[in-house]
Amino acid sequence: MKLLEERILKDGILAEGDVLKVDCFLNHLMDVKLFHEMGMEFKRLFADKPINKILTIEASGIGIACVVAECFDVPVLFAKKAQSVNLSGEVYTTKVESFTHKRTYDVMVSKKFIGPQDHVLIVDDFLANGCALQGLIELVEAAGATVEGIGICIEKGFQQGGKKIRDMGIQLESLAIVDAMNPETGEIRFREQ
């Protein structure tokens, strides 16, 4: 998606450790007009799927997932990273390792919000190693629901997450795939799509 690639080049900041900071428009301060364009692109890419629920993980994916859900006219469910008094009853749970935070979380969704009748589009802001997505796929499968596809804003194509997910046979659509980035020169190279 050319619009997203241009925004990454304009406002993205490269940092050591293969970190691409896009907090000024994607995952801290959010550009809702850009989100709407991305949501409409996901709607186009998954138009043939019977999606009735969007699933993401706390916290950075929630903003984009809400806009995508509005484009599909379906609800959003987000996997929580901590048990709270708001999450009562039985839950599906799995472990997820975060690339950004360098820690493992127990993530969970309430059993009352997902089941065999659901056709799920998983949405997230970033894809690096694919651990979060694998955890979300496990939650969907535990509920007997169907993963119809995965929509990612920015994929780090030089890391193995995208390959892992595609090798599972799941339709994965990334709006921008970064194939290389150099913090010393500030160069970012995108995959031709």
N, C-alpha and C. Protein backbone atom coordinates (compact mmCIF):
# COMPACT_ATOMS: atom_id res chain seq x y z
N MET A 1 0.86 -1.17 0.00
CA MET A 1 0.00 0.00 0.00
C MET A 1 0.90 1.23 0.00
N LYS A 2 0.92 1.90 -1.12
CA LYS A 2 1.83 3.02 -1.35
C LYS A 2 1.66 4.12 -0.29
N LEU A 3 0.43 4.42 0.10
CA LEU A 3 0.18 5.47 1.09
C LEU A 3 0.87 5.16 2.41
N LEU A 4 0.80 3.92 2.86
CA LEU A 4 1.45 3.52 4.11
C LEU A 4 2.97 3.54 3.96
N GLU A 5 3.49 3.05 2.85
CA GLU A 5 4.94 3.07 2.62
C GLU A 5 5.47 4.50 2.65
N GLU A 6 4.76 5.41 2.00
CA GLU A 6 5.18 6.81 2.00
C GLU A 6 5.20 7.39 3.41
N ARG A 7 4.21 7.01 4.21
CA ARG A 7 4.16 7.53 5.58
C ARG A 7 5.30 6.97 6.42
N ILE A 8 5.63 5.70 6.21
CA ILE A 8 6.75 5.09 6.92
C ILE A 8 8.04 5.82 6.56
N LEU A 9 8.25 6.09 5.27
CA LEU A 9 9.46 6.80 4.84
C LEU A 9 9.52 8.22 5.41
N LYS A 10 8.37 8.86 5.49
CA LYS A 10 8.31 10.24 5.98
C LYS A 10 8.51 10.32 7.50
N ASP A 11 7.83 9.44 8.25
CA ASP A 11 7.77 9.60 9.70
C ASP A 11 8.35 8.44 10.52
N GLY A 12 8.69 7.33 9.87
CA GLY A 12 9.26 6.21 10.61
C GLY A 12 10.67 6.52 11.08
N ILE A 13 11.03 5.98 12.23
CA ILE A 13 12.36 6.18 12.80
C ILE A 13 12.98 4.81 13.02
N LEU A 14 14.18 4.62 12.50
CA LEU A 14 14.89 3.36 12.68
C LEU A 14 15.73 3.42 13.94
N ALA A 15 15.74 2.31 14.67
CA ALA A 15 16.53 2.21 15.90
C ALA A 15 17.27 0.88 15.90
N GLU A 16 18.26 0.77 16.74
CA GLU A 16 19.03 -0.46 16.85
C GLU A 16 18.12 -1.63 17.22
N GLY A 17 18.55 -2.82 16.85
CA GLY A 17 17.79 -4.02 17.20
C GLY A 17 16.64 -4.30 16.27
N ASP A 18 16.73 -3.84 15.01
CA ASP A 18 15.67 -4.05 14.03
C ASP A 18 14.34 -3.46 14.46
N VAL A 19 14.39 -2.28 15.07
CA VAL A 19 13.19 -1.59 15.53
C VAL A 19 12.84 -0.47 14.55
N LEU A 20 11.59 -0.48 14.10
CA LEU A 20 11.04 0.59 13.28
C LEU A 20 9.96 1.26 14.11
N LYS A 21 10.24 2.51 14.52
CA LYS A 21 9.29 3.25 15.34
C LYS A 21 8.32 4.01 14.44
N VAL A 22 7.05 3.72 14.61
CA VAL A 22 5.99 4.41 13.88
C VAL A 22 4.94 4.91 14.87
N ASP A 23 5.42 5.29 16.04
CA ASP A 23 4.50 5.69 17.11
C ASP A 23 3.85 7.05 16.86
N CYS A 24 4.32 7.80 15.87
CA CYS A 24 3.71 9.10 15.60
C CYS A 24 2.51 9.01 14.66
N PHE A 25 2.19 7.79 14.18
CA PHE A 25 0.99 7.66 13.35
C PHE A 25 0.29 6.31 13.47
N LEU A 26 0.95 5.27 14.04
CA LEU A 26 0.34 3.94 14.03
C LEU A 26 0.04 3.38 15.41
N ASN A 27 1.01 3.38 16.30
CA ASN A 27 0.78 2.63 17.54
C ASN A 27 0.99 3.42 18.84
N HIS A 28 0.89 4.72 18.75
CA HIS A 28 0.80 5.55 19.96
C HIS A 28 -0.11 6.73 19.62
N LEU A 29 0.38 7.68 18.85
CA LEU A 29 -0.48 8.68 18.23
C LEU A 29 -1.01 8.02 16.96
N MET A 30 -2.33 8.05 16.77
CA MET A 30 -2.92 7.30 15.66
C MET A 30 -3.56 8.22 14.63
N ASP A 31 -3.19 8.03 13.37
CA ASP A 31 -3.75 8.78 12.25
C ASP A 31 -4.98 8.02 11.76
N VAL A 32 -6.13 8.43 12.21
CA VAL A 32 -7.37 7.69 11.95
C VAL A 32 -7.75 7.73 10.47
N LYS A 33 -7.42 8.81 9.77
CA LYS A 33 -7.70 8.85 8.33
C LYS A 33 -6.86 7.80 7.60
N LEU A 34 -5.60 7.65 7.98
CA LEU A 34 -4.75 6.60 7.41
C LEU A 34 -5.32 5.23 7.78
N PHE A 35 -5.75 5.07 9.04
CA PHE A 35 -6.35 3.81 9.48
C PHE A 35 -7.55 3.46 8.60
N HIS A 36 -8.36 4.46 8.28
CA HIS A 36 -9.54 4.21 7.45
C HIS A 36 -9.12 3.68 6.07
N GLU A 37 -8.11 4.28 5.48
CA GLU A 37 -7.62 3.80 4.18
C GLU A 37 -7.10 2.37 4.29
N MET A 38 -6.39 2.07 5.38
CA MET A 38 -5.89 0.71 5.58
C MET A 38 -7.05 -0.26 5.80
N GLY A 39 -8.04 0.16 6.57
CA GLY A 39 -9.21 -0.68 6.80
C GLY A 39 -9.94 -1.01 5.52
N MET A 40 -10.08 -0.03 4.64
CA MET A 40 -10.75 -0.27 3.35
C MET A 40 -9.91 -1.20 2.47
N GLU A 41 -8.59 -1.11 2.58
CA GLU A 41 -7.74 -2.02 1.81
C GLU A 41 -7.88 -3.45 2.33
N PHE A 42 -7.93 -3.63 3.65
CA PHE A 42 -8.16 -4.97 4.19
C PHE A 42 -9.53 -5.49 3.75
N LYS A 43 -10.52 -4.63 3.74
CA LYS A 43 -11.87 -5.03 3.29
C LYS A 43 -11.81 -5.53 1.84
N ARG A 44 -11.04 -4.83 1.00
CA ARG A 44 -10.89 -5.25 -0.40
C ARG A 44 -10.16 -6.59 -0.50
N LEU A 45 -9.08 -6.73 0.27
CA LEU A 45 -8.25 -7.94 0.20
C LEU A 45 -8.97 -9.20 0.71
N PHE A 46 -9.91 -9.02 1.64
CA PHE A 46 -10.61 -10.16 2.23
C PHE A 46 -12.10 -10.14 1.89
N ALA A 47 -12.46 -9.50 0.78
CA ALA A 47 -13.86 -9.32 0.41
C ALA A 47 -14.60 -10.64 0.19
N ASP A 48 -13.88 -11.70 -0.18
CA ASP A 48 -14.53 -12.97 -0.46
C ASP A 48 -14.67 -13.87 0.77
N LYS A 49 -14.27 -13.38 1.92
CA LYS A 49 -14.31 -14.19 3.14
C LYS A 49 -15.54 -13.84 3.98
N PRO A 50 -16.14 -14.84 4.64
CA PRO A 50 -17.34 -14.60 5.45
C PRO A 50 -17.00 -14.11 6.87
N ILE A 51 -16.23 -13.06 6.97
CA ILE A 51 -15.72 -12.58 8.26
C ILE A 51 -16.84 -11.99 9.10
N ASN A 52 -16.94 -12.47 10.35
CA ASN A 52 -17.93 -11.90 11.27
C ASN A 52 -17.31 -11.43 12.58
N LYS A 53 -15.97 -11.47 12.67
CA LYS A 53 -15.32 -10.98 13.88
C LYS A 53 -13.86 -10.64 13.56
N ILE A 54 -13.39 -9.54 14.16
CA ILE A 54 -11.98 -9.15 14.07
C ILE A 54 -11.34 -9.47 15.41
N LEU A 55 -10.14 -10.08 15.37
CA LEU A 55 -9.41 -10.40 16.59
C LEU A 55 -8.04 -9.74 16.53
N THR A 56 -7.63 -9.14 17.64
CA THR A 56 -6.29 -8.58 17.77
C THR A 56 -5.79 -8.85 19.17
N ILE A 57 -4.60 -8.33 19.47
CA ILE A 57 -4.00 -8.52 20.78
C ILE A 57 -3.77 -7.16 21.42
N GLU A 58 -3.91 -7.11 22.71
CA GLU A 58 -3.66 -5.91 23.48
C GLU A 58 -2.20 -5.50 23.30
N ALA A 59 -1.83 -4.30 23.07
CA ALA A 59 -2.61 -3.09 23.04
C ALA A 59 -2.49 -2.39 21.69
N SER A 60 -1.34 -2.47 21.03
CA SER A 60 -1.10 -1.65 19.84
C SER A 60 -2.02 -1.98 18.67
N GLY A 61 -2.53 -3.18 18.60
CA GLY A 61 -3.40 -3.54 17.48
C GLY A 61 -4.84 -3.09 17.63
N ILE A 62 -5.23 -2.64 18.81
CA ILE A 62 -6.64 -2.34 19.05
C ILE A 62 -7.15 -1.20 18.16
N GLY A 63 -6.38 -0.14 18.02
CA GLY A 63 -6.82 1.01 17.22
C GLY A 63 -7.13 0.62 15.78
N ILE A 64 -6.18 -0.03 15.12
CA ILE A 64 -6.40 -0.40 13.73
C ILE A 64 -7.49 -1.47 13.62
N ALA A 65 -7.55 -2.38 14.58
CA ALA A 65 -8.59 -3.42 14.53
C ALA A 65 -9.99 -2.81 14.61
N CYS A 66 -10.15 -1.77 15.40
CA CYS A 66 -11.47 -1.12 15.51
C CYS A 66 -11.89 -0.49 14.19
N VAL A 67 -10.95 0.15 13.50
CA VAL A 67 -11.29 0.77 12.22
C VAL A 67 -11.57 -0.31 11.17
N VAL A 68 -10.78 -1.37 11.16
CA VAL A 68 -11.03 -2.48 10.23
C VAL A 68 -12.41 -3.08 10.50
N ALA A 69 -12.74 -3.26 11.76
CA ALA A 69 -14.05 -3.81 12.12
C ALA A 69 -15.19 -2.93 11.62
N GLU A 70 -14.99 -1.63 11.69
CA GLU A 70 -16.01 -0.71 11.18
C GLU A 70 -16.18 -0.90 9.67
N CYS A 71 -15.08 -1.09 8.96
CA CYS A 71 -15.15 -1.31 7.51
C CYS A 71 -15.88 -2.61 7.17
N PHE A 72 -15.74 -3.63 8.01
CA PHE A 72 -16.41 -4.92 7.80
C PHE A 72 -17.79 -4.96 8.45
N ASP A 73 -18.09 -3.97 9.30
CA ASP A 73 -19.35 -3.92 10.06
C ASP A 73 -19.51 -5.16 10.94
N VAL A 74 -18.42 -5.45 11.69
CA VAL A 74 -18.41 -6.59 12.62
C VAL A 74 -17.75 -6.13 13.92
N PRO A 75 -17.90 -6.90 15.01
CA PRO A 75 -17.26 -6.51 16.27
C PRO A 75 -15.78 -6.88 16.32
N VAL A 76 -15.09 -6.25 17.28
CA VAL A 76 -13.68 -6.52 17.56
C VAL A 76 -13.59 -7.24 18.90
N LEU A 77 -12.73 -8.25 18.93
CA LEU A 77 -12.37 -8.93 20.18
C LEU A 77 -10.87 -8.80 20.33
N PHE A 78 -10.40 -8.37 21.52
CA PHE A 78 -8.96 -8.33 21.69
C PHE A 78 -8.54 -9.26 22.82
N ALA A 79 -7.43 -9.96 22.56
CA ALA A 79 -6.87 -10.86 23.55
C ALA A 79 -6.17 -10.02 24.62
N LYS A 80 -6.50 -10.30 25.86
CA LYS A 80 -5.91 -9.56 26.99
C LYS A 80 -4.62 -10.23 27.43
N LYS A 81 -3.68 -9.40 27.90
CA LYS A 81 -2.39 -9.90 28.35
C LYS A 81 -2.34 -10.14 29.85
N ALA A 82 -3.41 -9.85 30.54
CA ALA A 82 -3.42 -10.06 31.99
C ALA A 82 -4.85 -10.34 32.45
N GLN A 83 -4.96 -11.22 33.41
CA GLN A 83 -6.25 -11.49 34.03
C GLN A 83 -6.68 -10.25 34.80
N SER A 84 -7.95 -9.91 34.73
CA SER A 84 -8.46 -8.76 35.48
C SER A 84 -9.87 -9.07 35.94
N VAL A 85 -10.40 -8.20 36.80
CA VAL A 85 -11.76 -8.40 37.28
C VAL A 85 -12.77 -8.24 36.15
N ASN A 86 -12.38 -7.55 35.08
CA ASN A 86 -13.27 -7.38 33.93
C ASN A 86 -13.41 -8.65 33.12
N LEU A 87 -12.47 -9.58 33.28
CA LEU A 87 -12.48 -10.82 32.51
C LEU A 87 -12.91 -11.95 33.44
N SER A 88 -14.22 -12.23 33.40
CA SER A 88 -14.75 -13.26 34.29
C SER A 88 -15.20 -14.47 33.49
N GLY A 89 -15.32 -15.57 34.18
CA GLY A 89 -15.78 -16.79 33.52
C GLY A 89 -14.62 -17.54 32.88
N GLU A 90 -14.98 -18.50 32.05
CA GLU A 90 -13.98 -19.35 31.41
C GLU A 90 -13.31 -18.62 30.25
N VAL A 91 -12.01 -18.90 30.07
CA VAL A 91 -11.24 -18.24 29.01
C VAL A 91 -10.42 -19.27 28.24
N TYR A 92 -10.13 -18.92 26.98
CA TYR A 92 -9.11 -19.63 26.22
C TYR A 92 -7.82 -18.87 26.48
N THR A 93 -6.74 -19.60 26.69
CA THR A 93 -5.48 -18.93 27.00
C THR A 93 -4.32 -19.60 26.27
N THR A 94 -3.30 -18.81 25.99
CA THR A 94 -2.07 -19.30 25.38
C THR A 94 -0.93 -18.37 25.78
N LYS A 95 0.28 -18.77 25.49
CA LYS A 95 1.45 -17.95 25.79
C LYS A 95 1.95 -17.31 24.50
N VAL A 96 2.37 -16.04 24.60
CA VAL A 96 2.86 -15.28 23.47
C VAL A 96 4.12 -14.55 23.87
N GLU A 97 5.16 -14.68 23.04
CA GLU A 97 6.40 -13.95 23.28
C GLU A 97 6.37 -12.67 22.46
N SER A 98 6.65 -11.54 23.10
CA SER A 98 6.64 -10.25 22.43
C SER A 98 8.03 -9.89 21.95
N PHE A 99 8.17 -9.61 20.64
CA PHE A 99 9.45 -9.16 20.07
C PHE A 99 9.83 -7.81 20.66
N THR A 100 8.86 -6.90 20.75
CA THR A 100 9.12 -5.54 21.21
C THR A 100 9.47 -5.48 22.69
N HIS A 101 8.72 -6.22 23.51
CA HIS A 101 8.91 -6.13 24.96
C HIS A 101 9.85 -7.18 25.52
N LYS A 102 10.26 -8.13 24.67
CA LYS A 102 11.20 -9.18 25.09
C LYS A 102 10.72 -9.92 26.35
N ARG A 103 9.44 -10.27 26.35
CA ARG A 103 8.89 -11.06 27.45
C ARG A 103 7.74 -11.91 26.95
N THR A 104 7.36 -12.89 27.76
CA THR A 104 6.27 -13.79 27.41
C THR A 104 5.03 -13.42 28.22
N TYR A 105 3.89 -13.38 27.54
CA TYR A 105 2.62 -13.05 28.18
C TYR A 105 1.68 -14.25 28.10
N ASP A 106 0.83 -14.39 29.10
CA ASP A 106 -0.32 -15.27 29.01
C ASP A 106 -1.43 -14.42 28.41
N VAL A 107 -1.91 -14.76 27.22
CA VAL A 107 -2.99 -13.99 26.61
C VAL A 107 -4.27 -14.82 26.63
N MET A 108 -5.39 -14.12 26.74
CA MET A 108 -6.66 -14.83 26.90
C MET A 108 -7.82 -14.07 26.29
N VAL A 109 -8.83 -14.84 25.90
CA VAL A 109 -10.12 -14.30 25.49
C VAL A 109 -11.21 -15.09 26.19
N SER A 110 -12.28 -14.40 26.48
CA SER A 110 -13.42 -15.05 27.14
C SER A 110 -14.10 -16.01 26.19
N LYS A 111 -14.43 -17.19 26.70
CA LYS A 111 -15.11 -18.20 25.88
C LYS A 111 -16.48 -17.73 25.41
N LYS A 112 -17.07 -16.77 26.11
CA LYS A 112 -18.41 -16.31 25.70
C LYS A 112 -18.38 -15.41 24.47
N PHE A 113 -17.18 -14.96 24.04
CA PHE A 113 -17.11 -14.05 22.91
C PHE A 113 -16.57 -14.66 21.62
N ILE A 114 -16.23 -15.95 21.64
CA ILE A 114 -15.75 -16.59 20.41
C ILE A 114 -16.12 -18.06 20.45
N GLY A 115 -16.57 -18.57 19.29
CA GLY A 115 -16.98 -19.97 19.23
C GLY A 115 -16.98 -20.48 17.80
N PRO A 116 -17.49 -21.70 17.61
CA PRO A 116 -17.47 -22.35 16.29
C PRO A 116 -18.19 -21.58 15.19
N GLN A 117 -19.09 -20.70 15.55
CA GLN A 117 -19.83 -19.92 14.55
C GLN A 117 -19.01 -18.77 13.98
N ASP A 118 -17.83 -18.51 14.52
CA ASP A 118 -17.07 -17.33 14.14
C ASP A 118 -16.07 -17.58 13.02
N HIS A 119 -16.03 -16.61 12.10
CA HIS A 119 -15.08 -16.57 10.99
C HIS A 119 -14.25 -15.31 11.21
N VAL A 120 -13.00 -15.52 11.61
CA VAL A 120 -12.19 -14.47 12.21
C VAL A 120 -11.13 -13.94 11.25
N LEU A 121 -11.02 -12.61 11.22
CA LEU A 121 -9.88 -11.95 10.59
C LEU A 121 -9.01 -11.43 11.73
N ILE A 122 -7.78 -11.91 11.79
CA ILE A 122 -6.82 -11.43 12.79
C ILE A 122 -6.13 -10.20 12.22
N VAL A 123 -6.06 -9.14 13.02
CA VAL A 123 -5.46 -7.88 12.58
C VAL A 123 -4.44 -7.43 13.62
N ASP A 124 -3.28 -6.96 13.15
CA ASP A 124 -2.29 -6.41 14.07
C ASP A 124 -1.46 -5.35 13.36
N ASP A 125 -0.76 -4.55 14.16
CA ASP A 125 0.02 -3.46 13.58
C ASP A 125 1.33 -3.95 12.97
N PHE A 126 2.02 -4.89 13.64
CA PHE A 126 3.33 -5.35 13.19
C PHE A 126 3.40 -6.86 13.14
N LEU A 127 4.24 -7.36 12.25
CA LEU A 127 4.59 -8.78 12.20
C LEU A 127 6.11 -8.86 12.12
N ALA A 128 6.72 -9.49 13.12
CA ALA A 128 8.17 -9.71 13.13
C ALA A 128 8.43 -11.21 13.13
N ASN A 129 8.43 -11.81 14.31
CA ASN A 129 8.69 -13.26 14.42
C ASN A 129 7.44 -14.12 14.33
N GLY A 130 6.28 -13.52 14.45
CA GLY A 130 5.03 -14.25 14.28
C GLY A 130 4.49 -14.90 15.55
N CYS A 131 5.14 -14.65 16.69
CA CYS A 131 4.69 -15.31 17.93
C CYS A 131 3.30 -14.87 18.35
N ALA A 132 3.02 -13.58 18.26
CA ALA A 132 1.69 -13.09 18.65
C ALA A 132 0.62 -13.70 17.75
N LEU A 133 0.90 -13.75 16.45
CA LEU A 133 -0.09 -14.32 15.52
C LEU A 133 -0.30 -15.80 15.78
N GLN A 134 0.76 -16.53 16.05
CA GLN A 134 0.60 -17.96 16.35
C GLN A 134 -0.26 -18.15 17.60
N GLY A 135 -0.07 -17.30 18.59
CA GLY A 135 -0.90 -17.37 19.79
C GLY A 135 -2.36 -17.07 19.49
N LEU A 136 -2.62 -16.06 18.68
CA LEU A 136 -4.00 -15.73 18.33
C LEU A 136 -4.64 -16.85 17.51
N ILE A 137 -3.87 -17.45 16.61
CA ILE A 137 -4.39 -18.59 15.84
C ILE A 137 -4.76 -19.73 16.79
N GLU A 138 -3.92 -20.00 17.78
CA GLU A 138 -4.22 -21.05 18.77
C GLU A 138 -5.52 -20.75 19.51
N LEU A 139 -5.74 -19.49 19.88
CA LEU A 139 -6.98 -19.13 20.59
C LEU A 139 -8.20 -19.37 19.70
N VAL A 140 -8.10 -18.97 18.44
CA VAL A 140 -9.23 -19.18 17.50
C VAL A 140 -9.51 -20.67 17.34
N GLU A 141 -8.45 -21.44 17.15
CA GLU A 141 -8.63 -22.89 16.96
C GLU A 141 -9.18 -23.55 18.21
N ALA A 142 -8.74 -23.11 19.40
CA ALA A 142 -9.25 -23.68 20.66
C ALA A 142 -10.75 -23.45 20.79
N ALA A 143 -11.23 -22.32 20.23
CA ALA A 143 -12.66 -22.00 20.29
C ALA A 143 -13.46 -22.73 19.21
N GLY A 144 -12.77 -23.44 18.31
CA GLY A 144 -13.46 -24.11 17.21
C GLY A 144 -13.87 -23.15 16.11
N ALA A 145 -13.37 -21.92 16.16
CA ALA A 145 -13.67 -20.91 15.14
C ALA A 145 -12.72 -21.09 13.96
N THR A 146 -12.94 -20.31 12.90
CA THR A 146 -12.15 -20.40 11.68
C THR A 146 -11.33 -19.13 11.47
N VAL A 147 -10.03 -19.28 11.25
CA VAL A 147 -9.20 -18.15 10.86
C VAL A 147 -9.37 -17.97 9.35
N GLU A 148 -10.01 -16.89 8.96
CA GLU A 148 -10.24 -16.61 7.54
C GLU A 148 -9.06 -15.89 6.91
N GLY A 149 -8.23 -15.25 7.72
CA GLY A 149 -7.08 -14.54 7.20
C GLY A 149 -6.45 -13.68 8.27
N ILE A 150 -5.32 -13.07 7.89
CA ILE A 150 -4.59 -12.19 8.80
C ILE A 150 -4.22 -10.93 8.04
N GLY A 151 -4.53 -9.79 8.63
CA GLY A 151 -4.18 -8.50 8.06
C GLY A 151 -3.16 -7.79 8.95
N ILE A 152 -2.03 -7.43 8.36
CA ILE A 152 -0.94 -6.78 9.09
C ILE A 152 -0.65 -5.43 8.45
N CYS A 153 -0.44 -4.43 9.26
CA CYS A 153 -0.07 -3.12 8.71
C CYS A 153 1.35 -3.17 8.17
N ILE A 154 2.32 -3.51 9.03
CA ILE A 154 3.73 -3.51 8.62
C ILE A 154 4.35 -4.86 8.97
N GLU A 155 4.89 -5.52 7.97
CA GLU A 155 5.59 -6.78 8.16
C GLU A 155 7.08 -6.55 7.96
N LYS A 156 7.88 -7.10 8.85
CA LYS A 156 9.33 -7.10 8.68
C LYS A 156 9.67 -8.35 7.88
N GLY A 157 9.83 -8.18 6.57
CA GLY A 157 10.04 -9.30 5.67
C GLY A 157 11.36 -10.01 5.87
N PHE A 158 12.29 -9.36 6.54
CA PHE A 158 13.60 -9.96 6.79
C PHE A 158 13.60 -10.82 8.06
N GLN A 159 12.47 -10.89 8.75
CA GLN A 159 12.33 -11.79 9.88
C GLN A 159 11.39 -12.93 9.46
N GLN A 160 11.36 -14.01 10.23
CA GLN A 160 10.71 -15.24 9.75
C GLN A 160 9.21 -15.33 9.98
N GLY A 161 8.60 -14.37 10.65
CA GLY A 161 7.18 -14.48 11.00
C GLY A 161 6.25 -14.66 9.81
N GLY A 162 6.43 -13.86 8.77
CA GLY A 162 5.56 -13.95 7.60
C GLY A 162 5.66 -15.31 6.94
N LYS A 163 6.87 -15.82 6.81
CA LYS A 163 7.06 -17.15 6.20
C LYS A 163 6.37 -18.23 7.03
N LYS A 164 6.53 -18.17 8.36
CA LYS A 164 5.89 -19.16 9.24
C LYS A 164 4.38 -19.19 9.03
N ILE A 165 3.78 -18.01 9.00
CA ILE A 165 2.32 -17.94 8.88
C ILE A 165 1.87 -18.40 7.50
N ARG A 166 2.55 -17.95 6.46
CA ARG A 166 2.19 -18.36 5.10
C ARG A 166 2.36 -19.86 4.92
N ASP A 167 3.39 -20.43 5.54
CA ASP A 167 3.61 -21.88 5.46
C ASP A 167 2.49 -22.67 6.13
N MET A 168 1.71 -22.02 7.00
CA MET A 168 0.57 -22.67 7.64
C MET A 168 -0.64 -22.71 6.70
N GLY A 169 -0.53 -22.05 5.55
CA GLY A 169 -1.63 -22.04 4.59
C GLY A 169 -2.69 -20.99 4.85
N ILE A 170 -2.38 -20.03 5.70
CA ILE A 170 -3.33 -18.96 6.04
C ILE A 170 -3.08 -17.77 5.13
N GLN A 171 -4.15 -17.16 4.63
CA GLN A 171 -4.00 -15.96 3.81
C GLN A 171 -3.50 -14.83 4.69
N LEU A 172 -2.30 -14.36 4.42
CA LEU A 172 -1.67 -13.26 5.16
C LEU A 172 -1.48 -12.11 4.20
N GLU A 173 -2.07 -10.96 4.53
CA GLU A 173 -1.93 -9.76 3.71
C GLU A 173 -1.29 -8.67 4.56
N SER A 174 -0.10 -8.22 4.14
CA SER A 174 0.60 -7.14 4.82
C SER A 174 0.57 -5.92 3.91
N LEU A 175 0.18 -4.78 4.45
CA LEU A 175 0.04 -3.57 3.64
C LEU A 175 1.39 -2.97 3.26
N ALA A 176 2.39 -3.18 4.09
CA ALA A 176 3.76 -2.74 3.77
C ALA A 176 4.70 -3.83 4.29
N ILE A 177 5.58 -4.30 3.41
CA ILE A 177 6.58 -5.29 3.83
C ILE A 177 7.95 -4.66 3.71
N VAL A 178 8.61 -4.49 4.86
CA VAL A 178 9.95 -3.93 4.91
C VAL A 178 10.94 -5.07 4.74
N ASP A 179 11.68 -5.05 3.63
CA ASP A 179 12.65 -6.11 3.38
C ASP A 179 14.03 -5.79 3.94
N ALA A 180 14.33 -4.52 4.14
CA ALA A 180 15.62 -4.14 4.71
C ALA A 180 15.51 -2.75 5.32
N MET A 181 16.25 -2.55 6.39
CA MET A 181 16.34 -1.22 6.99
C MET A 181 17.71 -1.07 7.62
N ASN A 182 18.24 0.13 7.50
CA ASN A 182 19.58 0.41 8.00
C ASN A 182 19.53 1.64 8.91
N PRO A 183 19.66 1.45 10.22
CA PRO A 183 19.58 2.58 11.14
C PRO A 183 20.70 3.61 10.94
N GLU A 184 21.83 3.16 10.42
CA GLU A 184 22.94 4.09 10.22
C GLU A 184 22.67 5.07 9.08
N THR A 185 22.08 4.58 8.00
CA THR A 185 21.82 5.44 6.84
C THR A 185 20.37 5.94 6.80
N GLY A 186 19.49 5.29 7.57
CA GLY A 186 18.07 5.66 7.55
C GLY A 186 17.33 5.05 6.38
N GLU A 187 17.99 4.17 5.62
CA GLU A 187 17.37 3.57 4.44
C GLU A 187 16.37 2.48 4.84
N ILE A 188 15.21 2.53 4.18
CA ILE A 188 14.18 1.50 4.33
C ILE A 188 13.83 1.02 2.93
N ARG A 189 13.88 -0.30 2.73
CA ARG A 189 13.54 -0.85 1.41
C ARG A 189 12.30 -1.74 1.56
N PHE A 190 11.33 -1.51 0.70
CA PHE A 190 10.07 -2.26 0.72
C PHE A 190 10.07 -3.33 -0.35
N ARG A 191 9.35 -4.41 -0.08
CA ARG A 191 9.13 -5.47 -1.07
C ARG A 191 8.09 -4.99 -2.08
N GLU A 192 8.36 -5.29 -3.33
CA GLU A 192 7.37 -5.00 -4.38
C GLU A 192 6.20 -5.95 -4.20
N GLN A 193 4.99 -5.43 -4.24
CA GLN A 193 3.81 -6.27 -4.04
C GLN A 193 2.90 -6.21 -5.24
